[in-house]
Amino acid sequence: MMRLEHLNLVVRDLSKTLAFYQAVFPHWQVRGGGKSTWHGVERNWVHFGDDFQYLTFNDDGNEDNRDLSGHQVGLAHFGYVTDDLDGVIERLAKIGLDIDKLGANDEYRRSVYFIDPDGYEVEFVEYLSDIPTLRNRYD
């Protein structure tokens, strides 16, 4: 078996980034953190997650993220499955964030996209069926 354990993201402001992801994952916590140097630049870092998966945030970001409407090489978005999409939307609204764009909305799944404080696009999807052929339709 293989699974994704973590993503390592470069950010500008740890507190703003943590506020976003704490709203999304209220059951996660800061697992650890510290200071390091990356190619001559000092930075703070934290691991935010649970016992099985996490996000690493490094606060040495000094430029804008890629233009999400452009065609530059880089991360387009990453996605999380939730069984409570409305809860995610409500928690992010409480910290002042609106849905950036709507995704799928049919009888088998719903999804929305938000932009985090550093310009990463994050998709949240709620599947409304346990049948893989219905959840993963491409028509």
C-alpha atoms as a PDB file:
ATOM      1  CA  MET A   1       0.000   0.000   0.000  1.00  0.00           C
ATOM      2  CA  MET A   2       1.061   3.561  -0.626  1.00  0.00           C
ATOM      3  CA  ARG A   3      -0.621   6.782   0.476  1.00  0.00           C
ATOM      4  CA  LEU A   4       0.178  10.460   0.489  1.00  0.00           C
ATOM      5  CA  GLU A   5       1.510  11.391   3.927  1.00  0.00           C
ATOM      6  CA  HIS A   6       2.135  15.116   3.583  1.00  0.00           C
ATOM      7  CA  LEU A   7       2.463  18.159   1.374  1.00  0.00           C
ATOM      8  CA  ASN A   8       5.265  20.636   2.025  1.00  0.00           C
ATOM      9  CA  LEU A   9       4.204  24.189   1.187  1.00  0.00           C
ATOM     10  CA  VAL A  10       6.154  27.438   1.185  1.00  0.00           C
ATOM     11  CA  VAL A  11       4.046  30.244   2.674  1.00  0.00           C
ATOM     12  CA  ARG A  12       4.493  33.850   3.768  1.00  0.00           C
ATOM     13  CA  ASP A  13       2.718  34.052   7.126  1.00  0.00           C
ATOM     14  CA  LEU A  14       2.333  30.989   9.355  1.00  0.00           C
ATOM     15  CA  SER A  15      -0.482  32.494  11.438  1.00  0.00           C
ATOM     16  CA  LYS A  16      -2.668  33.327   8.411  1.00  0.00           C
ATOM     17  CA  THR A  17      -1.972  29.944   6.853  1.00  0.00           C
ATOM     18  CA  LEU A  18      -2.742  28.111  10.081  1.00  0.00           C
ATOM     19  CA  ALA A  19      -6.005  30.051  10.510  1.00  0.00           C
ATOM     20  CA  PHE A  20      -7.189  28.787   7.108  1.00  0.00           C
ATOM     21  CA  TYR A  21      -6.240  25.162   7.648  1.00  0.00           C
ATOM     22  CA  GLN A  22      -7.435  25.097  11.279  1.00  0.00           C
ATOM     23  CA  ALA A  23     -10.866  26.169   9.992  1.00  0.00           C
ATOM     24  CA  VAL A  24     -10.778  23.352   7.431  1.00  0.00           C
ATOM     25  CA  PHE A  25      -9.400  20.701   9.803  1.00  0.00           C
ATOM     26  CA  PRO A  26     -10.567  21.562  13.330  1.00  0.00           C
ATOM     27  CA  HIS A  27      -9.472  18.103  14.522  1.00  0.00           C
ATOM     28  CA  TRP A  28      -5.837  18.619  13.377  1.00  0.00           C
ATOM     29  CA  GLN A  29      -3.140  20.219  15.473  1.00  0.00           C
ATOM     30  CA  VAL A  30       0.391  21.544  15.219  1.00  0.00           C
ATOM     31  CA  ARG A  31       2.442  18.353  15.580  1.00  0.00           C
ATOM     32  CA  GLY A  32       5.781  20.109  15.807  1.00  0.00           C
ATOM     33  CA  GLY A  33       7.866  22.856  14.339  1.00  0.00           C
ATOM     34  CA  GLY A  34      11.095  24.715  14.493  1.00  0.00           C
ATOM     35  CA  LYS A  35      13.581  26.862  12.651  1.00  0.00           C
ATOM     36  CA  SER A  36      15.818  25.891   9.788  1.00  0.00           C
ATOM     37  CA  THR A  37      17.836  27.354   6.962  1.00  0.00           C
ATOM     38  CA  TRP A  38      16.929  26.583   3.368  1.00  0.00           C
ATOM     39  CA  HIS A  39      19.586  27.566   0.822  1.00  0.00           C
ATOM     40  CA  GLY A  40      20.838  30.386   3.036  1.00  0.00           C
ATOM     41  CA  VAL A  41      17.432  31.720   4.132  1.00  0.00           C
ATOM     42  CA  GLU A  42      16.200  31.358   7.712  1.00  0.00           C
ATOM     43  CA  ARG A  43      12.661  30.074   8.083  1.00  0.00           C
ATOM     44  CA  ASN A  44      10.169  28.801  10.595  1.00  0.00           C
ATOM     45  CA  TRP A  45       8.271  25.616   9.863  1.00  0.00           C
ATOM     46  CA  VAL A  46       5.384  23.648  11.345  1.00  0.00           C
ATOM     47  CA  HIS A  47       3.817  20.254  10.756  1.00  0.00           C
ATOM     48  CA  PHE A  48       0.027  20.589  11.009  1.00  0.00           C
ATOM     49  CA  GLY A  49      -2.076  17.432  10.926  1.00  0.00           C
ATOM     50  CA  ASP A  50      -2.993  14.248  12.735  1.00  0.00           C
ATOM     51  CA  ASP A  51      -1.080  11.045  13.420  1.00  0.00           C
ATOM     52  CA  PHE A  52      -1.314   9.885   9.805  1.00  0.00           C
ATOM     53  CA  GLN A  53      -1.138  12.894   7.488  1.00  0.00           C
ATOM     54  CA  TYR A  54      -0.105  16.507   7.700  1.00  0.00           C
ATOM     55  CA  LEU A  55       0.822  19.690   5.908  1.00  0.00           C
ATOM     56  CA  THR A  56       4.239  21.280   6.345  1.00  0.00           C
ATOM     57  CA  PHE A  57       4.332  25.069   6.202  1.00  0.00           C
ATOM     58  CA  ASN A  58       7.609  26.954   5.730  1.00  0.00           C
ATOM     59  CA  ASP A  59       7.410  30.740   6.131  1.00  0.00           C
ATOM     60  CA  ASP A  60      10.201  31.771   3.752  1.00  0.00           C
ATOM     61  CA  GLY A  61       7.910  32.582   0.806  1.00  0.00           C
ATOM     62  CA  ASN A  62       8.825  35.886  -0.802  1.00  0.00           C
ATOM     63  CA  GLU A  63       6.954  35.926  -4.112  1.00  0.00           C
ATOM     64  CA  ASP A  64       3.417  35.375  -5.370  1.00  0.00           C
ATOM     65  CA  ASN A  65       2.199  31.880  -6.140  1.00  0.00           C
ATOM     66  CA  ARG A  66       1.680  30.944  -9.788  1.00  0.00           C
ATOM     67  CA  ASP A  67      -1.174  32.635 -11.678  1.00  0.00           C
ATOM     68  CA  LEU A  68      -3.992  30.113 -11.385  1.00  0.00           C
ATOM     69  CA  SER A  69      -5.577  31.408 -14.594  1.00  0.00           C
ATOM     70  CA  GLY A  70      -2.280  31.007 -16.444  1.00  0.00           C
ATOM     71  CA  HIS A  71      -0.384  28.083 -17.868  1.00  0.00           C
ATOM     72  CA  GLN A  72       2.820  28.116 -15.805  1.00  0.00           C
ATOM     73  CA  VAL A  73       4.208  24.827 -14.621  1.00  0.00           C
ATOM     74  CA  GLY A  74       3.382  24.259 -10.968  1.00  0.00           C
ATOM     75  CA  LEU A  75       0.687  23.104  -8.636  1.00  0.00           C
ATOM     76  CA  ALA A  76      -2.815  23.631 -10.037  1.00  0.00           C
ATOM     77  CA  HIS A  77      -4.671  22.548  -6.894  1.00  0.00           C
ATOM     78  CA  PHE A  78      -4.904  19.817  -4.304  1.00  0.00           C
ATOM     79  CA  GLY A  79      -8.101  18.283  -3.038  1.00  0.00           C
ATOM     80  CA  TYR A  80      -9.597  16.827   0.100  1.00  0.00           C
ATOM     81  CA  VAL A  81     -12.614  14.569   0.519  1.00  0.00           C
ATOM     82  CA  THR A  82     -15.045  15.569   3.255  1.00  0.00           C
ATOM     83  CA  ASP A  83     -18.303  14.116   4.486  1.00  0.00           C
ATOM     84  CA  ASP A  84     -19.469  17.624   5.485  1.00  0.00           C
ATOM     85  CA  LEU A  85     -18.885  20.108   2.663  1.00  0.00           C
ATOM     86  CA  ASP A  86     -21.346  22.595   4.138  1.00  0.00           C
ATOM     87  CA  GLY A  87     -19.381  22.540   7.409  1.00  0.00           C
ATOM     88  CA  VAL A  88     -16.121  23.347   5.588  1.00  0.00           C
ATOM     89  CA  ILE A  89     -17.812  26.220   3.737  1.00  0.00           C
ATOM     90  CA  GLU A  90     -19.326  27.575   6.982  1.00  0.00           C
ATOM     91  CA  ARG A  91     -16.045  27.404   8.921  1.00  0.00           C
ATOM     92  CA  LEU A  92     -14.163  29.220   6.159  1.00  0.00           C
ATOM     93  CA  ALA A  93     -16.938  31.832   5.918  1.00  0.00           C
ATOM     94  CA  LYS A  94     -16.479  32.490   9.667  1.00  0.00           C
ATOM     95  CA  ILE A  95     -12.894  33.579   8.992  1.00  0.00           C
ATOM     96  CA  GLY A  96     -14.015  35.797   6.097  1.00  0.00           C
ATOM     97  CA  LEU A  97     -13.422  33.557   3.084  1.00  0.00           C
ATOM     98  CA  ASP A  98     -15.809  32.976   0.212  1.00  0.00           C
ATOM     99  CA  ILE A  99     -15.886  30.112  -2.261  1.00  0.00           C
ATOM    100  CA  ASP A 100     -13.581  30.944  -5.165  1.00  0.00           C
ATOM    101  CA  LYS A 101     -15.410  28.736  -7.638  1.00  0.00           C
ATOM    102  CA  LEU A 102     -17.923  25.949  -7.730  1.00  0.00           C
ATOM    103  CA  GLY A 103     -16.912  22.511  -8.887  1.00  0.00           C
ATOM    104  CA  ALA A 104     -19.025  19.437  -9.527  1.00  0.00           C
ATOM    105  CA  ASN A 105     -22.598  19.578  -8.377  1.00  0.00           C
ATOM    106  CA  ASP A 106     -24.640  16.554  -9.292  1.00  0.00           C
ATOM    107  CA  GLU A 107     -26.429  13.673  -7.619  1.00  0.00           C
ATOM    108  CA  TYR A 108     -23.163  11.844  -6.811  1.00  0.00           C
ATOM    109  CA  ARG A 109     -20.743  14.565  -5.708  1.00  0.00           C
ATOM    110  CA  ARG A 110     -20.396  18.233  -4.835  1.00  0.00           C
ATOM    111  CA  SER A 111     -17.218  20.275  -4.755  1.00  0.00           C
ATOM    112  CA  VAL A 112     -15.978  23.800  -4.206  1.00  0.00           C
ATOM    113  CA  TYR A 113     -12.618  25.538  -4.473  1.00  0.00           C
ATOM    114  CA  PHE A 114     -11.061  28.027  -2.068  1.00  0.00           C
ATOM    115  CA  ILE A 115      -7.826  29.986  -2.356  1.00  0.00           C
ATOM    116  CA  ASP A 116      -5.691  29.808   0.777  1.00  0.00           C
ATOM    117  CA  PRO A 117      -3.759  32.867   2.079  1.00  0.00           C
ATOM    118  CA  ASP A 118      -0.742  32.040  -0.096  1.00  0.00           C
ATOM    119  CA  GLY A 119      -2.604  31.513  -3.355  1.00  0.00           C
ATOM    120  CA  TYR A 120      -2.867  27.730  -3.300  1.00  0.00           C
ATOM    121  CA  GLU A 121      -6.139  26.481  -4.729  1.00  0.00           C
ATOM    122  CA  VAL A 122      -7.735  23.831  -2.520  1.00  0.00           C
ATOM    123  CA  GLU A 123     -10.672  21.685  -3.638  1.00  0.00           C
ATOM    124  CA  PHE A 124     -13.112  20.151  -1.185  1.00  0.00           C
ATOM    125  CA  VAL A 125     -15.346  17.370  -2.475  1.00  0.00           C
ATOM    126  CA  GLU A 126     -18.211  15.510  -0.836  1.00  0.00           C
ATOM    127  CA  TYR A 127     -19.191  12.249  -2.477  1.00  0.00           C
ATOM    128  CA  LEU A 128     -22.872  11.405  -2.290  1.00  0.00           C
ATOM    129  CA  SER A 129     -22.481   7.761  -3.300  1.00  0.00           C
ATOM    130  CA  ASP A 130     -20.228   4.919  -2.218  1.00  0.00           C
ATOM    131  CA  ILE A 131     -20.338   3.375  -5.697  1.00  0.00           C
ATOM    132  CA  PRO A 132     -17.006   4.171  -7.420  1.00  0.00           C
ATOM    133  CA  THR A 133     -18.440   4.193 -10.959  1.00  0.00           C
ATOM    134  CA  LEU A 134     -20.908   6.900  -9.901  1.00  0.00           C
ATOM    135  CA  ARG A 135     -18.465   8.912  -7.788  1.00  0.00           C
ATOM    136  CA  ASN A 136     -15.850   8.920 -10.553  1.00  0.00           C
ATOM    137  CA  ARG A 137     -17.964   9.655 -13.620  1.00  0.00           C
ATOM    138  CA  TYR A 138     -16.265  11.590 -16.391  1.00  0.00           C
ATOM    139  CA  ASP A 139     -19.182  12.292 -18.704  1.00  0.00           C
END
